[in-house]
């Protein structure tokens, strides 16, 4: 259980660092003509300053290390949530690396999506721990948690 608490705290710390990075160092620009392809248009990340790139690289490395710890827990316990975690992990990497177009307007929307993904990642391994303690052996039902 102590390992789970440590991982949850690491997620909280990471979320704060990502929020600071995106609020302080990042910006997005509307992609001209994109509304012809997708409703509401698309947005691209603006180029980062060199100092921000260093910050980005540290966050990226720390997130990959944290994700590896979560993967270890999920694989060790044969979690049915491994694939869901991997999908969510890739989304977060895209936000940190700022290497894809965005379909949401504004950094606040981006931060909300990041928070959602980080929260659900925590539920994947916390749910796994709860399953082992209570003897349940089913995956997390996100629809119950988030109304999806």
Foldseek 3Di string as FASTA:
>chain_A
DVVLVVLVVLLVVLLVLLVCLCVPWWDKDFDPPQCVVPPPGKIAIDDTDPVSVVSLVVSLVSLVVSLVVLLVLCVVLVFPCNVVLVVLSVVLSCSSVRPDIGPDPDPVVVSVSNVVSSVVSSCQNVVSVVCVVVVNRHGDDVCVVPVD
